[in-house]
Structures are given as C-alpha cells and as structure tokens.
Amino acid sequence: KYATGDWIAIRQKLRDCQKSVLSAPQHFPRED
C-alpha cells in the first residue's frame, strides 16, 4: 500500500518530464 500509494502520480510526473524535455530550447544538444 505504501509503496504504490503515489506510484501512479510519480509515473505521471515522468510523462510530464518527457514533455518538458521535448520542449527544451534548441540550444541544448540533441544528443543530450
């Protein structure tokens, strides 16, 4: 229960991070 209580919310944060990375300014190296 405690291990999975915020599991879904954390996984959603991963998707939010991916969206942020995809919209990163163009001066960031593409390989990074």
All heavy atoms as atom14 arrays in JSON, in Angstrom:
{
  "sequence": "KYATGDWIAIRQKLRDCQKSVLSAPQHFPRED",
  "atom14_mask": [
    [1, 1, 1, 1, 1, 1, 1, 1, 1, 0, 0, 0, 0, 0],
    [1, 1, 1, 1, 1, 1, 1, 1, 1, 1, 1, 1, 0, 0],
    [1, 1, 1, 1, 1, 0, 0, 0, 0, 0, 0, 0, 0, 0],
    [1, 1, 1, 1, 1, 1, 1, 0, 0, 0, 0, 0, 0, 0],
    [1, 1, 1, 1, 0, 0, 0, 0, 0, 0, 0, 0, 0, 0],
    [1, 1, 1, 1, 1, 1, 1, 1, 0, 0, 0, 0, 0, 0],
    [1, 1, 1, 1, 1, 1, 1, 1, 1, 1, 1, 1, 1, 1],
    [1, 1, 1, 1, 1, 1, 1, 1, 0, 0, 0, 0, 0, 0],
    [1, 1, 1, 1, 1, 0, 0, 0, 0, 0, 0, 0, 0, 0],
    [1, 1, 1, 1, 1, 1, 1, 1, 0, 0, 0, 0, 0, 0],
    [1, 1, 1, 1, 1, 1, 1, 1, 1, 1, 1, 0, 0, 0],
    [1, 1, 1, 1, 1, 1, 1, 1, 1, 0, 0, 0, 0, 0],
    [1, 1, 1, 1, 1, 1, 1, 1, 1, 0, 0, 0, 0, 0],
    [1, 1, 1, 1, 1, 1, 1, 1, 0, 0, 0, 0, 0, 0],
    [1, 1, 1, 1, 1, 1, 1, 1, 1, 1, 1, 0, 0, 0],
    [1, 1, 1, 1, 1, 1, 1, 1, 0, 0, 0, 0, 0, 0],
    [1, 1, 1, 1, 1, 1, 0, 0, 0, 0, 0, 0, 0, 0],
    [1, 1, 1, 1, 1, 1, 1, 1, 1, 0, 0, 0, 0, 0],
    [1, 1, 1, 1, 1, 1, 1, 1, 1, 0, 0, 0, 0, 0],
    [1, 1, 1, 1, 1, 1, 0, 0, 0, 0, 0, 0, 0, 0],
    [1, 1, 1, 1, 1, 1, 1, 0, 0, 0, 0, 0, 0, 0],
    [1, 1, 1, 1, 1, 1, 1, 1, 0, 0, 0, 0, 0, 0],
    [1, 1, 1, 1, 1, 1, 0, 0, 0, 0, 0, 0, 0, 0],
    [1, 1, 1, 1, 1, 0, 0, 0, 0, 0, 0, 0, 0, 0],
    [1, 1, 1, 1, 1, 1, 1, 0, 0, 0, 0, 0, 0, 0],
    [1, 1, 1, 1, 1, 1, 1, 1, 1, 0, 0, 0, 0, 0],
    [1, 1, 1, 1, 1, 1, 1, 1, 1, 1, 0, 0, 0, 0],
    [1, 1, 1, 1, 1, 1, 1, 1, 1, 1, 1, 0, 0, 0],
    [1, 1, 1, 1, 1, 1, 1, 0, 0, 0, 0, 0, 0, 0],
    [1, 1, 1, 1, 1, 1, 1, 1, 1, 1, 1, 0, 0, 0],
    [1, 1, 1, 1, 1, 1, 1, 1, 1, 0, 0, 0, 0, 0],
    [1, 1, 1, 1, 1, 1, 1, 1, 0, 0, 0, 0, 0, 0]
  ],
  "atom14_positions": [
    [[0.83, -1.21, 0.0], [0.0, 0.0, 0.0], [0.86, 1.26, 0.0], [0.66, 2.18, -0.79], [-0.92, -0.01, 1.22], [-1.7, 1.27, 1.4], [-2.43, 1.3, 2.74], [-3.03, 2.67, 2.99], [-3.64, 2.76, 4.34], [0.0, 0.0, 0.0], [0.0, 0.0, 0.0], [0.0, 0.0, 0.0], [0.0, 0.0, 0.0], [0.0, 0.0, 0.0]],
    [[1.85, 1.29, 0.9], [2.69, 2.48, 0.99], [3.61, 2.62, -0.22], [3.91, 3.73, -0.65], [3.51, 2.45, 2.28], [2.67, 2.71, 3.51], [2.52, 1.73, 4.49], [2.01, 3.91, 3.69], [1.72, 1.95, 5.61], [1.22, 4.15, 4.8], [1.09, 3.17, 5.76], [0.3, 3.39, 6.86], [0.0, 0.0, 0.0], [0.0, 0.0, 0.0]],
    [[4.05, 1.47, -0.76], [4.95, 1.52, -1.92], [4.25, 1.98, -3.18], [4.87, 2.58, -4.07], [5.57, 0.14, -2.14], [0.0, 0.0, 0.0], [0.0, 0.0, 0.0], [0.0, 0.0, 0.0], [0.0, 0.0, 0.0], [0.0, 0.0, 0.0], [0.0, 0.0, 0.0], [0.0, 0.0, 0.0], [0.0, 0.0, 0.0], [0.0, 0.0, 0.0]],
    [[2.95, 1.71, -3.27], [2.22, 2.04, -4.51], [1.27, 3.22, -4.35], [0.61, 3.6, -5.3], [1.4, 0.83, -4.99], [0.41, 0.5, -3.99], [2.29, -0.38, -5.22], [0.0, 0.0, 0.0], [0.0, 0.0, 0.0], [0.0, 0.0, 0.0], [0.0, 0.0, 0.0], [0.0, 0.0, 0.0], [0.0, 0.0, 0.0], [0.0, 0.0, 0.0]],
    [[1.21, 3.79, -3.14], [0.25, 4.86, -2.89], [0.38, 6.04, -3.83], [-0.61, 6.63, -4.26], [0.0, 0.0, 0.0], [0.0, 0.0, 0.0], [0.0, 0.0, 0.0], [0.0, 0.0, 0.0], [0.0, 0.0, 0.0], [0.0, 0.0, 0.0], [0.0, 0.0, 0.0], [0.0, 0.0, 0.0], [0.0, 0.0, 0.0], [0.0, 0.0, 0.0]],
    [[1.64, 6.4, -4.14], [1.85, 7.53, -5.05], [2.53, 7.09, -6.35], [3.08, 7.9, -7.08], [2.7, 8.61, -4.37], [4.03, 8.08, -3.86], [4.29, 6.86, -4.03], [4.81, 8.86, -3.3], [0.0, 0.0, 0.0], [0.0, 0.0, 0.0], [0.0, 0.0, 0.0], [0.0, 0.0, 0.0], [0.0, 0.0, 0.0], [0.0, 0.0, 0.0]],
    [[2.45, 5.79, -6.62], [3.13, 5.23, -7.79], [2.58, 5.83, -9.09], [3.35, 6.23, -9.97], [2.95, 3.7, -7.78], [3.57, 2.97, -8.92], [4.88, 2.97, -9.29], [2.9, 2.1, -9.84], [5.07, 2.16, -10.37], [3.88, 1.61, -10.74], [1.58, 1.69, -9.98], [3.56, 0.74, -11.76], [1.27, 0.81, -11.0], [2.25, 0.34, -11.88]],
    [[1.26, 5.88, -9.23], [0.65, 6.41, -10.45], [1.01, 7.89, -10.64], [1.33, 8.34, -11.74], [-0.88, 6.24, -10.42], [-1.25, 4.74, -10.31], [-1.51, 6.85, -11.65], [-0.77, 3.91, -11.47], [0.0, 0.0, 0.0], [0.0, 0.0, 0.0], [0.0, 0.0, 0.0], [0.0, 0.0, 0.0], [0.0, 0.0, 0.0], [0.0, 0.0, 0.0]],
    [[0.96, 8.62, -9.53], [1.29, 10.06, -9.61], [2.73, 10.27, -10.03], [3.04, 11.17, -10.82], [1.02, 10.72, -8.26], [0.0, 0.0, 0.0], [0.0, 0.0, 0.0], [0.0, 0.0, 0.0], [0.0, 0.0, 0.0], [0.0, 0.0, 0.0], [0.0, 0.0, 0.0], [0.0, 0.0, 0.0], [0.0, 0.0, 0.0], [0.0, 0.0, 0.0]],
    [[3.62, 9.43, -9.51], [5.04, 9.55, -9.87], [5.25, 9.21, -11.34], [6.01, 9.88, -12.06], [5.89, 8.64, -8.97], [5.91, 9.19, -7.54], [7.31, 8.52, -9.5], [6.62, 8.33, -6.55], [0.0, 0.0, 0.0], [0.0, 0.0, 0.0], [0.0, 0.0, 0.0], [0.0, 0.0, 0.0], [0.0, 0.0, 0.0], [0.0, 0.0, 0.0]],
    [[4.57, 8.18, -11.83], [4.7, 7.82, -13.25], [4.18, 8.94, -14.14], [4.73, 9.19, -15.22], [3.96, 6.5, -13.52], [4.73, 5.29, -13.02], [3.91, 4.02, -13.08], [3.55, 3.63, -14.43], [4.34, 2.94, -15.25], [5.55, 2.6, -14.86], [3.92, 2.6, -16.45], [0.0, 0.0, 0.0], [0.0, 0.0, 0.0], [0.0, 0.0, 0.0]],
    [[3.13, 9.62, -13.7], [2.64, 10.76, -14.47], [3.68, 11.87, -14.51], [3.83, 12.56, -15.52], [1.33, 11.28, -13.87], [0.7, 12.42, -14.65], [0.44, 12.07, -16.1], [-0.16, 11.02, -16.39], [0.86, 12.92, -17.04], [0.0, 0.0, 0.0], [0.0, 0.0, 0.0], [0.0, 0.0, 0.0], [0.0, 0.0, 0.0], [0.0, 0.0, 0.0]],
    [[4.4, 12.04, -13.41], [5.47, 13.04, -13.38], [6.54, 12.73, -14.42], [7.13, 13.64, -15.02], [6.09, 13.1, -11.98], [5.21, 13.72, -10.91], [5.04, 15.22, -11.13], [4.24, 15.86, -10.0], [4.04, 17.31, -10.23], [0.0, 0.0, 0.0], [0.0, 0.0, 0.0], [0.0, 0.0, 0.0], [0.0, 0.0, 0.0], [0.0, 0.0, 0.0]],
    [[6.79, 11.44, -14.63], [7.77, 11.06, -15.66], [7.31, 11.53, -17.04], [8.11, 12.04, -17.83], [7.97, 9.55, -15.65], [8.72, 8.94, -14.47], [8.71, 7.42, -14.57], [10.15, 9.47, -14.42], [0.0, 0.0, 0.0], [0.0, 0.0, 0.0], [0.0, 0.0, 0.0], [0.0, 0.0, 0.0], [0.0, 0.0, 0.0], [0.0, 0.0, 0.0]],
    [[6.02, 11.34, -17.33], [5.49, 11.79, -18.62], [5.56, 13.31, -18.73], [5.86, 13.86, -19.8], [4.04, 11.31, -18.78], [3.9, 9.81, -19.01], [4.69, 9.38, -20.22], [4.44, 8.0, -20.63], [5.36, 7.19, -21.11], [6.62, 7.62, -21.22], [5.05, 5.97, -21.48], [0.0, 0.0, 0.0], [0.0, 0.0, 0.0], [0.0, 0.0, 0.0]],
    [[5.29, 14.0, -17.63], [5.39, 15.46, -17.63], [6.82, 15.9, -17.9], [7.06, 16.88, -18.63], [4.91, 16.03, -16.28], [3.43, 15.8, -16.05], [2.7, 15.53, -17.02], [3.0, 15.88, -14.88], [0.0, 0.0, 0.0], [0.0, 0.0, 0.0], [0.0, 0.0, 0.0], [0.0, 0.0, 0.0], [0.0, 0.0, 0.0], [0.0, 0.0, 0.0]],
    [[7.78, 15.17, -17.31], [9.2, 15.5, -17.54], [9.58, 15.29, -19.0], [10.33, 16.09, -19.59], [10.08, 14.64, -16.65], [10.06, 15.11, -14.92], [0.0, 0.0, 0.0], [0.0, 0.0, 0.0], [0.0, 0.0, 0.0], [0.0, 0.0, 0.0], [0.0, 0.0, 0.0], [0.0, 0.0, 0.0], [0.0, 0.0, 0.0], [0.0, 0.0, 0.0]],
    [[9.04, 14.22, -19.6], [9.34, 13.97, -21.02], [8.84, 15.12, -21.89], [9.53, 15.54, -22.83], [8.7, 12.65, -21.45], [9.42, 11.42, -20.93], [8.77, 10.14, -21.38], [7.54, 10.02, -21.36], [9.57, 9.16, -21.77], [0.0, 0.0, 0.0], [0.0, 0.0, 0.0], [0.0, 0.0, 0.0], [0.0, 0.0, 0.0], [0.0, 0.0, 0.0]],
    [[7.65, 15.61, -21.59], [7.11, 16.74, -22.36], [7.99, 17.97, -22.19], [8.23, 18.71, -23.16], [5.69, 17.03, -21.91], [4.68, 15.95, -22.25], [3.29, 16.29, -21.73], [2.3, 15.19, -22.04], [0.95, 15.49, -21.49], [0.0, 0.0, 0.0], [0.0, 0.0, 0.0], [0.0, 0.0, 0.0], [0.0, 0.0, 0.0], [0.0, 0.0, 0.0]],
    [[8.48, 18.18, -20.97], [9.35, 19.34, -20.73], [10.66, 19.21, -21.49], [11.16, 20.19, -22.07], [9.63, 19.47, -19.22], [8.45, 19.73, -18.49], [0.0, 0.0, 0.0], [0.0, 0.0, 0.0], [0.0, 0.0, 0.0], [0.0, 0.0, 0.0], [0.0, 0.0, 0.0], [0.0, 0.0, 0.0], [0.0, 0.0, 0.0], [0.0, 0.0, 0.0]],
    [[11.21, 17.98, -21.49], [12.48, 17.76, -22.2], [12.29, 17.97, -23.7], [13.14, 18.56, -24.38], [13.02, 16.35, -21.9], [14.21, 16.03, -22.8], [13.42, 16.24, -20.43], [0.0, 0.0, 0.0], [0.0, 0.0, 0.0], [0.0, 0.0, 0.0], [0.0, 0.0, 0.0], [0.0, 0.0, 0.0], [0.0, 0.0, 0.0], [0.0, 0.0, 0.0]],
    [[11.17, 17.49, -24.23], [10.91, 17.65, -25.67], [10.77, 19.1, -26.08], [11.05, 19.47, -27.23], [9.64, 16.87, -26.04], [9.77, 15.34, -26.11], [8.4, 14.7, -26.24], [10.66, 14.95, -27.29], [0.0, 0.0, 0.0], [0.0, 0.0, 0.0], [0.0, 0.0, 0.0], [0.0, 0.0, 0.0], [0.0, 0.0, 0.0], [0.0, 0.0, 0.0]],
    [[10.34, 19.93, -25.14], [10.17, 21.36, -25.46], [11.35, 22.2, -25.0], [11.24, 23.42, -24.88], [8.88, 21.88, -24.81], [8.93, 21.73, -23.39], [0.0, 0.0, 0.0], [0.0, 0.0, 0.0], [0.0, 0.0, 0.0], [0.0, 0.0, 0.0], [0.0, 0.0, 0.0], [0.0, 0.0, 0.0], [0.0, 0.0, 0.0], [0.0, 0.0, 0.0]],
    [[12.48, 21.54, -24.73], [13.67, 22.27, -24.28], [14.16, 23.21, -25.39], [13.98, 22.93, -26.58], [14.76, 21.28, -23.9], [0.0, 0.0, 0.0], [0.0, 0.0, 0.0], [0.0, 0.0, 0.0], [0.0, 0.0, 0.0], [0.0, 0.0, 0.0], [0.0, 0.0, 0.0], [0.0, 0.0, 0.0], [0.0, 0.0, 0.0], [0.0, 0.0, 0.0]],
    [[14.75, 24.34, -25.02], [15.28, 25.29, -26.02], [16.24, 24.61, -26.99], [16.93, 23.64, -26.64], [16.0, 26.33, -25.16], [15.3, 26.28, -23.84], [14.93, 24.83, -23.65], [0.0, 0.0, 0.0], [0.0, 0.0, 0.0], [0.0, 0.0, 0.0], [0.0, 0.0, 0.0], [0.0, 0.0, 0.0], [0.0, 0.0, 0.0], [0.0, 0.0, 0.0]],
    [[16.29, 25.11, -28.2], [17.05, 24.46, -29.26], [18.57, 24.49, -29.04], [19.3, 23.72, -29.67], [16.72, 25.11, -30.61], [15.29, 24.85, -31.06], [15.04, 25.39, -32.45], [15.9, 26.05, -33.04], [13.85, 25.11, -32.98], [0.0, 0.0, 0.0], [0.0, 0.0, 0.0], [0.0, 0.0, 0.0], [0.0, 0.0, 0.0], [0.0, 0.0, 0.0]],
    [[19.03, 25.36, -28.14], [20.49, 25.42, -27.95], [21.03, 24.23, -27.15], [22.23, 24.01, -27.08], [20.9, 26.74, -27.26], [20.39, 26.88, -25.85], [19.21, 27.52, -25.56], [20.91, 26.46, -24.67], [19.02, 27.49, -24.24], [20.04, 26.87, -23.69], [0.0, 0.0, 0.0], [0.0, 0.0, 0.0], [0.0, 0.0, 0.0], [0.0, 0.0, 0.0]],
    [[20.1, 23.41, -26.57], [20.55, 22.19, -25.89], [20.92, 21.13, -26.94], [20.16, 20.92, -27.9], [19.46, 21.64, -24.98], [19.3, 22.39, -23.68], [18.37, 23.41, -23.56], [20.1, 22.08, -22.59], [18.23, 24.1, -22.38], [19.96, 22.76, -21.39], [19.03, 23.79, -21.28], [0.0, 0.0, 0.0], [0.0, 0.0, 0.0], [0.0, 0.0, 0.0]],
    [[22.08, 20.47, -26.79], [22.49, 19.46, -27.77], [21.44, 18.36, -27.93], [20.9, 17.86, -26.93], [23.78, 18.9, -27.18], [24.3, 19.98, -26.28], [23.07, 20.64, -25.71], [0.0, 0.0, 0.0], [0.0, 0.0, 0.0], [0.0, 0.0, 0.0], [0.0, 0.0, 0.0], [0.0, 0.0, 0.0], [0.0, 0.0, 0.0], [0.0, 0.0, 0.0]],
    [[21.16, 18.0, -29.17], [20.13, 16.99, -29.43], [20.47, 15.64, -28.82], [19.59, 14.93, -28.33], [19.94, 16.84, -30.96], [18.74, 15.97, -31.32], [17.45, 16.59, -30.78], [16.36, 15.61, -30.72], [15.17, 15.87, -30.2], [14.92, 17.05, -29.68], [14.24, 14.93, -30.18], [0.0, 0.0, 0.0], [0.0, 0.0, 0.0], [0.0, 0.0, 0.0]],
    [[21.79, 15.29, -28.82], [22.17, 14.0, -28.26], [21.9, 13.94, -26.75], [21.57, 12.9, -26.2], [23.65, 13.69, -28.54], [24.64, 14.74, -28.04], [24.9, 15.83, -29.06], [24.06, 15.99, -29.98], [25.95, 16.48, -28.96], [0.0, 0.0, 0.0], [0.0, 0.0, 0.0], [0.0, 0.0, 0.0], [0.0, 0.0, 0.0], [0.0, 0.0, 0.0]],
    [[22.02, 15.09, -26.08], [21.69, 15.13, -24.65], [20.19, 14.93, -24.44], [19.77, 14.21, -23.52], [22.12, 16.47, -24.04], [23.64, 16.6, -23.93], [24.33, 15.59, -24.15], [24.11, 17.71, -23.63], [0.0, 0.0, 0.0], [0.0, 0.0, 0.0], [0.0, 0.0, 0.0], [0.0, 0.0, 0.0], [0.0, 0.0, 0.0], [0.0, 0.0, 0.0]]
  ]
}
